[in-house]
Amino acid sequence: MAAQTPEMMAGTGEHVVQFYDDDRELAQTVGPYLARAVRDREVAVVIATPEHRAAFQAELAAANVDAANAELDGTLIWLDAEQTLARMMRSGRVNPKLFQDVIGGLLDKLSRTGREINAYGEMVALLWDKGDVLGAVELEKLWNALAAELTFSLWCAYHGDSVSPHENADELHEVCHLHTSVMAEATASFAAGADGPLAARRFVKSVLGRPPYLGLVAPADAQLVVSELATNAVIHGGTPFSVSVSCLGSTIRIAVRDRNETPPIVRDAAPDSRSGRGLRLVDAVADDWGVDANPGGKTVWADLPFRAAA
């Protein structure tokens, strides 16, 4: 079994969050987001720690992006996360009016240029790391309120280790709800054997048992979906297959890809039949499901709704 995390991007008007394991992973995913903005003559606003700003600059240089020139012409704006956060704090809390003055004022000015705005921020992560978890949630909400007034894309990032404690599970759940997508996709590949579905279930259980997925969906529903889709891949596909878990808005998508192009069939199983009910069971627990054709195969996916936040 092999797992990987693919490159993700934030589109116009989206508010995405990334949970990363190390700074190199963060730089390699944020770097292309910033590079594209600079190349397309849009505006990139980066609110980050000195260490992360240096890592992003290195990624831009590796991508042959002239960051110095982009700074001079206003295409790339660097802000220190700690200093910017301090400008918005009053009595130990983020002040909504100061947020509007500091961040809203900047983005409003930039929006008047007619260029698209691509923001990256980690002030929320600084608050979370300091133990002000509720403050981080409130700051996420302020960003969303600003997005209702101005059009921009926003990329937030939290270190995976900092959001691990189970006592903050409810707040982590809410953070995921406050974003249009969560960048934490996990993928694993499996052989075309009888033990494939069991291994796939264990993989999905492992993924959903850690942040940011912890507590987002009903475990029994997720296990049912991956079991049925993986079993179909083995029995009817007869090829090696892969399973991916990703977050899309307020749903978790479980997708199984195999190398057989024949689409699955929803069957009407006899009452005493031991098989033939898989897709109907998936349909019963999923918000939606479908089949996508791939070169030399197909992907069957199902979207499970988030549980209501506690």
C-alpha atoms as a PDB file:
ATOM      1  CA  MET A   1       0.000   0.000   0.000  1.00  0.00           C
ATOM      2  CA  ALA A   2       1.316   3.469  -0.894  1.00  0.00           C
ATOM      3  CA  ALA A   3      -0.193   6.785   0.216  1.00  0.00           C
ATOM      4  CA  GLN A   4       0.299  10.273  -1.157  1.00  0.00           C
ATOM      5  CA  THR A   5      -1.037  13.833  -0.886  1.00  0.00           C
ATOM      6  CA  PRO A   6      -1.649  15.560  -4.232  1.00  0.00           C
ATOM      7  CA  GLU A   7      -1.099  19.200  -5.149  1.00  0.00           C
ATOM      8  CA  MET A   8      -4.153  21.364  -4.474  1.00  0.00           C
ATOM      9  CA  MET A   9      -5.095  24.876  -5.554  1.00  0.00           C
ATOM     10  CA  ALA A  10      -7.509  27.559  -4.323  1.00  0.00           C
ATOM     11  CA  GLY A  11      -9.805  29.098  -6.919  1.00  0.00           C
ATOM     12  CA  THR A  12     -11.380  32.537  -6.993  1.00  0.00           C
ATOM     13  CA  GLY A  13     -13.751  33.052  -4.066  1.00  0.00           C
ATOM     14  CA  GLU A  14     -12.656  29.859  -2.306  1.00  0.00           C
ATOM     15  CA  HIS A  15     -11.517  29.628   1.318  1.00  0.00           C
ATOM     16  CA  VAL A  16      -9.407  26.506   1.670  1.00  0.00           C
ATOM     17  CA  VAL A  17      -7.461  25.064   4.563  1.00  0.00           C
ATOM     18  CA  GLN A  18      -4.396  22.837   4.498  1.00  0.00           C
ATOM     19  CA  PHE A  19      -3.281  20.579   7.340  1.00  0.00           C
ATOM     20  CA  TYR A  20       0.387  19.843   6.727  1.00  0.00           C
ATOM     21  CA  ASP A  21       2.941  17.556   8.351  1.00  0.00           C
ATOM     22  CA  ASP A  22       6.122  19.553   7.733  1.00  0.00           C
ATOM     23  CA  ASP A  23       7.249  22.911   6.352  1.00  0.00           C
ATOM     24  CA  ARG A  24       8.593  21.385   3.144  1.00  0.00           C
ATOM     25  CA  GLU A  25       5.163  19.944   2.321  1.00  0.00           C
ATOM     26  CA  LEU A  26       3.581  23.346   3.002  1.00  0.00           C
ATOM     27  CA  ALA A  27       6.037  25.208   0.785  1.00  0.00           C
ATOM     28  CA  GLN A  28       5.640  22.731  -2.075  1.00  0.00           C
ATOM     29  CA  THR A  29       1.856  23.195  -2.120  1.00  0.00           C
ATOM     30  CA  VAL A  30       1.624  26.942  -1.441  1.00  0.00           C
ATOM     31  CA  GLY A  31       4.485  27.734  -3.840  1.00  0.00           C
ATOM     32  CA  PRO A  32       2.537  26.906  -7.044  1.00  0.00           C
ATOM     33  CA  TYR A  33      -0.468  28.902  -5.763  1.00  0.00           C
ATOM     34  CA  LEU A  34       1.686  32.009  -5.367  1.00  0.00           C
ATOM     35  CA  ALA A  35       3.660  31.407  -8.575  1.00  0.00           C
ATOM     36  CA  ARG A  36       0.504  31.171 -10.666  1.00  0.00           C
ATOM     37  CA  ALA A  37      -0.821  34.432  -9.205  1.00  0.00           C
ATOM     38  CA  VAL A  38       2.404  36.262 -10.021  1.00  0.00           C
ATOM     39  CA  ARG A  39       2.667  34.829 -13.533  1.00  0.00           C
ATOM     40  CA  ASP A  40      -0.958  35.746 -14.297  1.00  0.00           C
ATOM     41  CA  ARG A  41      -0.352  39.318 -13.137  1.00  0.00           C
ATOM     42  CA  GLU A  42      -2.818  38.957 -10.274  1.00  0.00           C
ATOM     43  CA  VAL A  43      -1.989  39.891  -6.668  1.00  0.00           C
ATOM     44  CA  ALA A  44      -0.592  37.524  -4.037  1.00  0.00           C
ATOM     45  CA  VAL A  45      -0.826  38.604  -0.388  1.00  0.00           C
ATOM     46  CA  VAL A  46       1.225  36.421   1.955  1.00  0.00           C
ATOM     47  CA  ILE A  47       0.735  36.726   5.735  1.00  0.00           C
ATOM     48  CA  ALA A  48       3.243  34.272   7.179  1.00  0.00           C
ATOM     49  CA  THR A  49       6.060  33.677   9.636  1.00  0.00           C
ATOM     50  CA  PRO A  50       9.624  34.610   8.601  1.00  0.00           C
ATOM     51  CA  GLU A  51      10.500  30.916   8.200  1.00  0.00           C
ATOM     52  CA  HIS A  52       7.582  30.247   5.891  1.00  0.00           C
ATOM     53  CA  ARG A  53       8.133  33.427   3.878  1.00  0.00           C
ATOM     54  CA  ALA A  54      11.702  32.302   3.244  1.00  0.00           C
ATOM     55  CA  ALA A  55      10.493  28.827   2.198  1.00  0.00           C
ATOM     56  CA  PHE A  56       7.927  30.321  -0.188  1.00  0.00           C
ATOM     57  CA  GLN A  57      10.553  32.630  -1.690  1.00  0.00           C
ATOM     58  CA  ALA A  58      12.755  29.602  -2.336  1.00  0.00           C
ATOM     59  CA  GLU A  59       9.888  27.818  -4.099  1.00  0.00           C
ATOM     60  CA  LEU A  60       9.215  30.891  -6.259  1.00  0.00           C
ATOM     61  CA  ALA A  61      12.901  31.074  -7.192  1.00  0.00           C
ATOM     62  CA  ALA A  62      12.890  27.372  -8.111  1.00  0.00           C
ATOM     63  CA  ALA A  63       9.876  28.069 -10.346  1.00  0.00           C
ATOM     64  CA  ASN A  64      11.790  30.903 -12.069  1.00  0.00           C
ATOM     65  CA  VAL A  65       9.492  33.560 -10.621  1.00  0.00           C
ATOM     66  CA  ASP A  66      11.142  36.962 -10.027  1.00  0.00           C
ATOM     67  CA  ALA A  67       9.792  37.646  -6.528  1.00  0.00           C
ATOM     68  CA  ALA A  68      11.809  40.856  -6.103  1.00  0.00           C
ATOM     69  CA  ASN A  69      10.353  42.399  -9.240  1.00  0.00           C
ATOM     70  CA  ALA A  70       6.864  41.191  -8.250  1.00  0.00           C
ATOM     71  CA  GLU A  71       7.257  42.999  -4.915  1.00  0.00           C
ATOM     72  CA  LEU A  72       8.256  46.222  -6.652  1.00  0.00           C
ATOM     73  CA  ASP A  73       5.215  46.293  -8.922  1.00  0.00           C
ATOM     74  CA  GLY A  74       2.753  45.284  -6.190  1.00  0.00           C
ATOM     75  CA  THR A  75       2.059  41.806  -7.533  1.00  0.00           C
ATOM     76  CA  LEU A  76       3.503  40.128  -4.425  1.00  0.00           C
ATOM     77  CA  ILE A  77       2.922  41.515  -0.932  1.00  0.00           C
ATOM     78  CA  TRP A  78       4.669  40.013   2.102  1.00  0.00           C
ATOM     79  CA  LEU A  79       3.306  40.596   5.632  1.00  0.00           C
ATOM     80  CA  ASP A  80       4.578  39.189   8.910  1.00  0.00           C
ATOM     81  CA  ALA A  81       1.880  37.038  10.548  1.00  0.00           C
ATOM     82  CA  GLU A  82       2.792  37.886  14.159  1.00  0.00           C
ATOM     83  CA  GLN A  83       3.046  41.620  13.551  1.00  0.00           C
ATOM     84  CA  THR A  84      -0.147  41.755  11.484  1.00  0.00           C
ATOM     85  CA  LEU A  85      -2.052  39.784  14.113  1.00  0.00           C
ATOM     86  CA  ALA A  86      -0.797  42.145  16.839  1.00  0.00           C
ATOM     87  CA  ARG A  87      -2.250  45.119  14.967  1.00  0.00           C
ATOM     88  CA  MET A  88      -5.713  43.553  15.233  1.00  0.00           C
ATOM     89  CA  MET A  89      -5.604  42.538  18.908  1.00  0.00           C
ATOM     90  CA  ARG A  90      -7.279  44.386  21.771  1.00  0.00           C
ATOM     91  CA  SER A  91      -7.433  43.042  25.340  1.00  0.00           C
ATOM     92  CA  GLY A  92      -6.065  39.701  24.168  1.00  0.00           C
ATOM     93  CA  ARG A  93      -8.687  39.172  21.462  1.00  0.00           C
ATOM     94  CA  VAL A  94      -8.981  39.842  17.742  1.00  0.00           C
ATOM     95  CA  ASN A  95     -10.999  43.030  17.339  1.00  0.00           C
ATOM     96  CA  PRO A  96     -13.441  42.842  14.403  1.00  0.00           C
ATOM     97  CA  LYS A  97     -13.116  46.563  13.610  1.00  0.00           C
ATOM     98  CA  LEU A  98      -9.325  46.411  13.605  1.00  0.00           C
ATOM     99  CA  PHE A  99      -9.471  43.315  11.378  1.00  0.00           C
ATOM    100  CA  GLN A 100     -11.653  45.281   8.986  1.00  0.00           C
ATOM    101  CA  ASP A 101      -9.251  48.223   9.102  1.00  0.00           C
ATOM    102  CA  VAL A 102      -6.065  46.191   8.664  1.00  0.00           C
ATOM    103  CA  ILE A 103      -7.076  43.320   6.365  1.00  0.00           C
ATOM    104  CA  GLY A 104     -10.292  44.685   4.907  1.00  0.00           C
ATOM    105  CA  GLY A 105      -8.646  47.996   4.115  1.00  0.00           C
ATOM    106  CA  LEU A 106      -5.751  46.331   2.302  1.00  0.00           C
ATOM    107  CA  LEU A 107      -7.891  43.953   0.256  1.00  0.00           C
ATOM    108  CA  ASP A 108     -10.382  46.690  -0.599  1.00  0.00           C
ATOM    109  CA  LYS A 109      -7.561  48.857  -1.927  1.00  0.00           C
ATOM    110  CA  LEU A 110      -6.184  45.960  -3.966  1.00  0.00           C
ATOM    111  CA  SER A 111      -9.608  45.059  -5.333  1.00  0.00           C
ATOM    112  CA  ARG A 112      -9.907  48.549  -6.822  1.00  0.00           C
ATOM    113  CA  THR A 113      -7.025  47.715  -9.183  1.00  0.00           C
ATOM    114  CA  GLY A 114      -9.278  45.196 -10.934  1.00  0.00           C
ATOM    115  CA  ARG A 115      -6.781  42.374 -10.382  1.00  0.00           C
ATOM    116  CA  GLU A 116      -7.742  39.109  -8.693  1.00  0.00           C
ATOM    117  CA  ILE A 117      -6.524  38.694  -5.124  1.00  0.00           C
ATOM    118  CA  ASN A 118      -4.904  35.495  -3.874  1.00  0.00           C
ATOM    119  CA  ALA A 119      -4.283  35.550  -0.119  1.00  0.00           C
ATOM    120  CA  TYR A 120      -2.370  33.134   2.077  1.00  0.00           C
ATOM    121  CA  GLY A 121      -2.622  33.508   5.848  1.00  0.00           C
ATOM    122  CA  GLU A 122      -1.519  31.702   8.974  1.00  0.00           C
ATOM    123  CA  MET A 123      -2.595  34.114  11.720  1.00  0.00           C
ATOM    124  CA  VAL A 124      -5.313  31.598  12.623  1.00  0.00           C
ATOM    125  CA  ALA A 125      -2.607  28.977  13.121  1.00  0.00           C
ATOM    126  CA  LEU A 126      -0.662  31.298  15.413  1.00  0.00           C
ATOM    127  CA  LEU A 127      -3.735  31.736  17.596  1.00  0.00           C
ATOM    128  CA  TRP A 128      -4.398  27.983  17.654  1.00  0.00           C
ATOM    129  CA  ASP A 129      -0.775  27.218  18.528  1.00  0.00           C
ATOM    130  CA  LYS A 130      -0.957  29.673  21.435  1.00  0.00           C
ATOM    131  CA  GLY A 131      -3.997  27.852  22.799  1.00  0.00           C
ATOM    132  CA  ASP A 132      -6.511  30.472  21.676  1.00  0.00           C
ATOM    133  CA  VAL A 133      -8.551  27.946  19.707  1.00  0.00           C
ATOM    134  CA  LEU A 134     -11.781  29.943  19.931  1.00  0.00           C
ATOM    135  CA  GLY A 135      -9.891  33.013  18.715  1.00  0.00           C
ATOM    136  CA  ALA A 136      -8.733  31.081  15.661  1.00  0.00           C
ATOM    137  CA  VAL A 137     -12.313  30.066  14.902  1.00  0.00           C
ATOM    138  CA  GLU A 138     -13.529  33.655  15.284  1.00  0.00           C
ATOM    139  CA  LEU A 139     -10.785  34.914  12.960  1.00  0.00           C
ATOM    140  CA  GLU A 140     -11.830  32.340  10.348  1.00  0.00           C
ATOM    141  CA  LYS A 141     -15.366  33.741  10.620  1.00  0.00           C
ATOM    142  CA  LEU A 142     -14.091  37.306  10.136  1.00  0.00           C
ATOM    143  CA  TRP A 143     -12.322  36.215   6.945  1.00  0.00           C
ATOM    144  CA  ASN A 144     -15.595  34.671   5.712  1.00  0.00           C
ATOM    145  CA  ALA A 145     -17.520  37.847   6.524  1.00  0.00           C
ATOM    146  CA  LEU A 146     -14.981  39.856   4.537  1.00  0.00           C
ATOM    147  CA  ALA A 147     -15.344  37.410   1.639  1.00  0.00           C
ATOM    148  CA  ALA A 148     -19.039  38.289   1.538  1.00  0.00           C
ATOM    149  CA  GLU A 149     -18.001  41.879   0.745  1.00  0.00           C
ATOM    150  CA  LEU A 150     -14.929  41.387  -1.446  1.00  0.00           C
ATOM    151  CA  THR A 151     -13.889  38.709  -3.924  1.00  0.00           C
ATOM    152  CA  PHE A 152     -10.616  36.933  -3.184  1.00  0.00           C
ATOM    153  CA  SER A 153      -9.234  33.443  -2.674  1.00  0.00           C
ATOM    154  CA  LEU A 154      -7.847  32.538   0.736  1.00  0.00           C
ATOM    155  CA  TRP A 155      -5.509  29.728   1.719  1.00  0.00           C
ATOM    156  CA  CYS A 156      -5.103  28.951   5.444  1.00  0.00           C
ATOM    157  CA  ALA A 157      -2.713  26.426   6.939  1.00  0.00           C
ATOM    158  CA  TYR A 158      -2.386  24.595  10.257  1.00  0.00           C
ATOM    159  CA  HIS A 159       0.354  22.189  11.286  1.00  0.00           C
ATOM    160  CA  GLY A 160      -1.158  18.736  11.745  1.00  0.00           C
ATOM    161  CA  ASP A 161       0.494  18.228  15.147  1.00  0.00           C
ATOM    162  CA  SER A 162      -1.061  21.387  16.586  1.00  0.00           C
ATOM    163  CA  VAL A 163      -4.635  20.282  15.848  1.00  0.00           C
ATOM    164  CA  SER A 164      -4.276  16.730  17.137  1.00  0.00           C
ATOM    165  CA  PRO A 165      -5.562  17.014  20.742  1.00  0.00           C
ATOM    166  CA  HIS A 166      -8.961  15.379  21.105  1.00  0.00           C
ATOM    167  CA  GLU A 167     -10.171  18.114  23.465  1.00  0.00           C
ATOM    168  CA  ASN A 168     -10.317  20.503  20.475  1.00  0.00           C
ATOM    169  CA  ALA A 169     -12.190  18.122  18.186  1.00  0.00           C
ATOM    170  CA  ASP A 170     -15.351  20.260  18.132  1.00  0.00           C
ATOM    171  CA  GLU A 171     -13.399  23.390  17.192  1.00  0.00           C
ATOM    172  CA  LEU A 172     -11.495  21.494  14.507  1.00  0.00           C
ATOM    173  CA  HIS A 173     -14.828  20.280  13.166  1.00  0.00           C
ATOM    174  CA  GLU A 174     -16.035  23.888  12.970  1.00  0.00           C
ATOM    175  CA  VAL A 175     -12.846  25.026  11.232  1.00  0.00           C
ATOM    176  CA  CYS A 176     -13.471  22.464   8.506  1.00  0.00           C
ATOM    177  CA  HIS A 177     -17.061  23.693   8.161  1.00  0.00           C
ATOM    178  CA  LEU A 178     -15.833  27.272   7.699  1.00  0.00           C
ATOM    179  CA  HIS A 179     -13.833  26.396   4.576  1.00  0.00           C
ATOM    180  CA  THR A 180     -14.972  25.552   1.071  1.00  0.00           C
ATOM    181  CA  SER A 181     -12.491  22.674   0.938  1.00  0.00           C
ATOM    182  CA  VAL A 182      -9.936  20.915   3.114  1.00  0.00           C
ATOM    183  CA  MET A 183      -6.556  20.019   1.635  1.00  0.00           C
ATOM    184  CA  ALA A 184      -5.859  16.710   3.257  1.00  0.00           C
ATOM    185  CA  GLU A 185      -6.512  14.126   0.581  1.00  0.00           C
ATOM    186  CA  ALA A 186      -5.035  10.703   1.203  1.00  0.00           C
ATOM    187  CA  THR A 187      -4.673   7.977  -1.416  1.00  0.00           C
ATOM    188  CA  ALA A 188      -3.552   4.372  -1.165  1.00  0.00           C
ATOM    189  CA  SER A 189      -3.162   1.577  -3.730  1.00  0.00           C
ATOM    190  CA  PHE A 190      -4.133  -2.079  -3.244  1.00  0.00           C
ATOM    191  CA  ALA A 191      -3.589  -5.352  -5.056  1.00  0.00           C
ATOM    192  CA  ALA A 192      -6.432  -7.199  -6.773  1.00  0.00           C
ATOM    193  CA  GLY A 193      -6.780  -9.842  -4.074  1.00  0.00           C
ATOM    194  CA  ALA A 194      -9.428 -11.061  -1.677  1.00  0.00           C
ATOM    195  CA  ASP A 195      -7.780  -9.161   1.180  1.00  0.00           C
ATOM    196  CA  GLY A 196      -7.992  -5.861  -0.722  1.00  0.00           C
ATOM    197  CA  PRO A 197     -11.343  -4.680   0.723  1.00  0.00           C
ATOM    198  CA  LEU A 198     -10.202  -5.352   4.294  1.00  0.00           C
ATOM    199  CA  ALA A 199      -6.981  -3.418   3.714  1.00  0.00           C
ATOM    200  CA  ALA A 200      -8.992  -0.580   2.157  1.00  0.00           C
ATOM    201  CA  ARG A 201     -11.292  -0.437   5.196  1.00  0.00           C
ATOM    202  CA  ARG A 202      -8.299  -0.251   7.516  1.00  0.00           C
ATOM    203  CA  PHE A 203      -6.823   2.565   5.417  1.00  0.00           C
ATOM    204  CA  VAL A 204     -10.031   4.614   5.500  1.00  0.00           C
ATOM    205  CA  LYS A 205     -10.452   3.988   9.227  1.00  0.00           C
ATOM    206  CA  SER A 206      -6.902   5.242   9.802  1.00  0.00           C
ATOM    207  CA  VAL A 207      -7.447   8.386   7.715  1.00  0.00           C
ATOM    208  CA  LEU A 208     -10.764   9.250   9.360  1.00  0.00           C
ATOM    209  CA  GLY A 209      -9.316   8.649  12.808  1.00  0.00           C
ATOM    210  CA  ARG A 210      -6.930  11.597  12.651  1.00  0.00           C
ATOM    211  CA  PRO A 211      -7.235  15.352  12.047  1.00  0.00           C
ATOM    212  CA  PRO A 212      -8.722  16.983  10.135  1.00  0.00           C
ATOM    213  CA  TYR A 213     -11.181  14.148   9.443  1.00  0.00           C
ATOM    214  CA  LEU A 214     -11.663  13.015  13.033  1.00  0.00           C
ATOM    215  CA  GLY A 215     -15.370  13.057  13.901  1.00  0.00           C
ATOM    216  CA  LEU A 216     -16.533  14.599  10.622  1.00  0.00           C
ATOM    217  CA  VAL A 217     -18.547  11.637   9.316  1.00  0.00           C
ATOM    218  CA  ALA A 218     -20.206   8.540  10.737  1.00  0.00           C
ATOM    219  CA  PRO A 219     -17.512   5.803  10.821  1.00  0.00           C
ATOM    220  CA  ALA A 220     -20.031   3.034  10.095  1.00  0.00           C
ATOM    221  CA  ASP A 221     -21.183   4.798   6.916  1.00  0.00           C
ATOM    222  CA  ALA A 222     -17.611   5.309   5.734  1.00  0.00           C
ATOM    223  CA  GLN A 223     -16.755   1.665   6.389  1.00  0.00           C
ATOM    224  CA  LEU A 224     -19.841   0.510   4.490  1.00  0.00           C
ATOM    225  CA  VAL A 225     -19.034   2.686   1.475  1.00  0.00           C
ATOM    226  CA  VAL A 226     -15.391   1.683   1.131  1.00  0.00           C
ATOM    227  CA  SER A 227     -16.238  -1.966   1.754  1.00  0.00           C
ATOM    228  CA  GLU A 228     -18.853  -2.075  -0.998  1.00  0.00           C
ATOM    229  CA  LEU A 229     -16.865  -0.062  -3.545  1.00  0.00           C
ATOM    230  CA  ALA A 230     -13.640  -1.953  -2.925  1.00  0.00           C
ATOM    231  CA  THR A 231     -15.429  -5.322  -3.077  1.00  0.00           C
ATOM    232  CA  ASN A 232     -16.944  -4.353  -6.430  1.00  0.00           C
ATOM    233  CA  ALA A 233     -13.493  -3.386  -7.701  1.00  0.00           C
ATOM    234  CA  VAL A 234     -12.094  -6.782  -6.735  1.00  0.00           C
ATOM    235  CA  ILE A 235     -15.009  -8.984  -7.835  1.00  0.00           C
ATOM    236  CA  HIS A 236     -16.191  -7.151 -10.943  1.00  0.00           C
ATOM    237  CA  GLY A 237     -13.149  -5.091 -11.864  1.00  0.00           C
ATOM    238  CA  GLY A 238     -10.595  -7.797 -11.246  1.00  0.00           C
ATOM    239  CA  THR A 239      -7.709  -5.318 -11.239  1.00  0.00           C
ATOM    240  CA  PRO A 240      -5.546  -3.494  -8.692  1.00  0.00           C
ATOM    241  CA  PHE A 241      -7.374  -0.476  -7.300  1.00  0.00           C
ATOM    242  CA  SER A 242      -6.788   2.677  -5.316  1.00  0.00           C
ATOM    243  CA  VAL A 243      -8.838   4.383  -2.620  1.00  0.00           C
ATOM    244  CA  SER A 244      -8.828   8.108  -1.907  1.00  0.00           C
ATOM    245  CA  VAL A 245     -10.374  10.125   0.910  1.00  0.00           C
ATOM    246  CA  SER A 246     -10.871  13.853   0.408  1.00  0.00           C
ATOM    247  CA  CYS A 247     -12.904  16.722   1.789  1.00  0.00           C
ATOM    248  CA  LEU A 248     -15.181  18.701  -0.521  1.00  0.00           C
ATOM    249  CA  GLY A 249     -17.099  21.519   1.123  1.00  0.00           C
ATOM    250  CA  SER A 250     -19.223  19.834   3.791  1.00  0.00           C
ATOM    251  CA  THR A 251     -18.811  16.256   2.567  1.00  0.00           C
ATOM    252  CA  ILE A 252     -16.139  13.583   2.677  1.00  0.00           C
ATOM    253  CA  ARG A 253     -15.586  11.850  -0.658  1.00  0.00           C
ATOM    254  CA  ILE A 254     -14.477   8.227  -0.741  1.00  0.00           C
ATOM    255  CA  ALA A 255     -13.445   7.166  -4.232  1.00  0.00           C
ATOM    256  CA  VAL A 256     -12.288   3.827  -5.597  1.00  0.00           C
ATOM    257  CA  ARG A 257     -10.446   3.706  -8.908  1.00  0.00           C
ATOM    258  CA  ASP A 258      -9.742   0.507 -10.859  1.00  0.00           C
ATOM    259  CA  ARG A 259      -8.522  -0.431 -14.341  1.00  0.00           C
ATOM    260  CA  ASN A 260     -11.773  -1.864 -15.658  1.00  0.00           C
ATOM    261  CA  GLU A 261     -13.782   0.504 -17.884  1.00  0.00           C
ATOM    262  CA  THR A 262     -17.105  -1.336 -17.408  1.00  0.00           C
ATOM    263  CA  PRO A 263     -19.408   0.814 -15.264  1.00  0.00           C
ATOM    264  CA  PRO A 264     -21.075  -0.766 -12.219  1.00  0.00           C
ATOM    265  CA  ILE A 265     -24.725  -1.807 -12.413  1.00  0.00           C
ATOM    266  CA  VAL A 266     -27.324  -1.133  -9.745  1.00  0.00           C
ATOM    267  CA  ARG A 267     -29.009  -4.503  -9.295  1.00  0.00           C
ATOM    268  CA  ASP A 268     -32.326  -5.624  -7.839  1.00  0.00           C
ATOM    269  CA  ALA A 269     -31.180  -8.414  -5.589  1.00  0.00           C
ATOM    270  CA  ALA A 270     -33.530 -11.227  -4.564  1.00  0.00           C
ATOM    271  CA  PRO A 271     -34.502 -11.247  -0.850  1.00  0.00           C
ATOM    272  CA  ASP A 272     -32.367 -14.334  -0.198  1.00  0.00           C
ATOM    273  CA  SER A 273     -29.396 -13.198  -2.290  1.00  0.00           C
ATOM    274  CA  ARG A 274     -26.059 -12.722  -0.543  1.00  0.00           C
ATOM    275  CA  SER A 275     -24.866 -10.063  -3.033  1.00  0.00           C
ATOM    276  CA  GLY A 276     -26.125  -7.419  -5.440  1.00  0.00           C
ATOM    277  CA  ARG A 277     -27.098  -4.785  -2.868  1.00  0.00           C
ATOM    278  CA  GLY A 278     -23.801  -2.891  -2.640  1.00  0.00           C
ATOM    279  CA  LEU A 279     -24.607   0.224  -4.644  1.00  0.00           C
ATOM    280  CA  ARG A 280     -28.072   0.501  -3.153  1.00  0.00           C
ATOM    281  CA  LEU A 281     -26.514   0.479   0.311  1.00  0.00           C
ATOM    282  CA  VAL A 282     -24.058   3.159  -0.795  1.00  0.00           C
ATOM    283  CA  ASP A 283     -26.921   5.221  -2.172  1.00  0.00           C
ATOM    284  CA  ALA A 284     -28.770   4.905   1.138  1.00  0.00           C
ATOM    285  CA  VAL A 285     -25.998   6.480   3.245  1.00  0.00           C
ATOM    286  CA  ALA A 286     -24.363   8.878   0.772  1.00  0.00           C
ATOM    287  CA  ASP A 287     -25.445  12.396  -0.153  1.00  0.00           C
ATOM    288  CA  ASP A 288     -24.479  11.551  -3.711  1.00  0.00           C
ATOM    289  CA  TRP A 289     -22.472   9.003  -5.663  1.00  0.00           C
ATOM    290  CA  GLY A 290     -21.379   8.478  -9.220  1.00  0.00           C
ATOM    291  CA  VAL A 291     -18.960   7.019 -11.739  1.00  0.00           C
ATOM    292  CA  ASP A 292     -16.235   8.909 -13.617  1.00  0.00           C
ATOM    293  CA  ALA A 293     -14.559   7.410 -16.678  1.00  0.00           C
ATOM    294  CA  ASN A 294     -10.763   7.421 -16.628  1.00  0.00           C
ATOM    295  CA  PRO A 295      -8.304   6.463 -19.368  1.00  0.00           C
ATOM    296  CA  GLY A 296      -8.119   2.692 -19.023  1.00  0.00           C
ATOM    297  CA  GLY A 297     -10.511   2.467 -16.104  1.00  0.00           C
ATOM    298  CA  LYS A 298     -13.088   4.212 -13.917  1.00  0.00           C
ATOM    299  CA  THR A 299     -13.592   5.841 -10.540  1.00  0.00           C
ATOM    300  CA  VAL A 300     -16.650   5.165  -8.387  1.00  0.00           C
ATOM    301  CA  TRP A 301     -17.157   7.752  -5.662  1.00  0.00           C
ATOM    302  CA  ALA A 302     -19.551   8.533  -2.839  1.00  0.00           C
ATOM    303  CA  ASP A 303     -19.973  11.729  -0.793  1.00  0.00           C
ATOM    304  CA  LEU A 304     -20.769  11.379   2.901  1.00  0.00           C
ATOM    305  CA  PRO A 305     -22.238  14.394   4.740  1.00  0.00           C
ATOM    306  CA  PHE A 306     -20.506  15.965   7.708  1.00  0.00           C
ATOM    307  CA  ARG A 307     -22.038  15.272  11.068  1.00  0.00           C
ATOM    308  CA  ALA A 308     -23.609  18.347  12.642  1.00  0.00           C
ATOM    309  CA  ALA A 309     -21.031  20.292  14.656  1.00  0.00           C
ATOM    310  CA  ALA A 310     -21.317  19.654  18.383  1.00  0.00           C
END
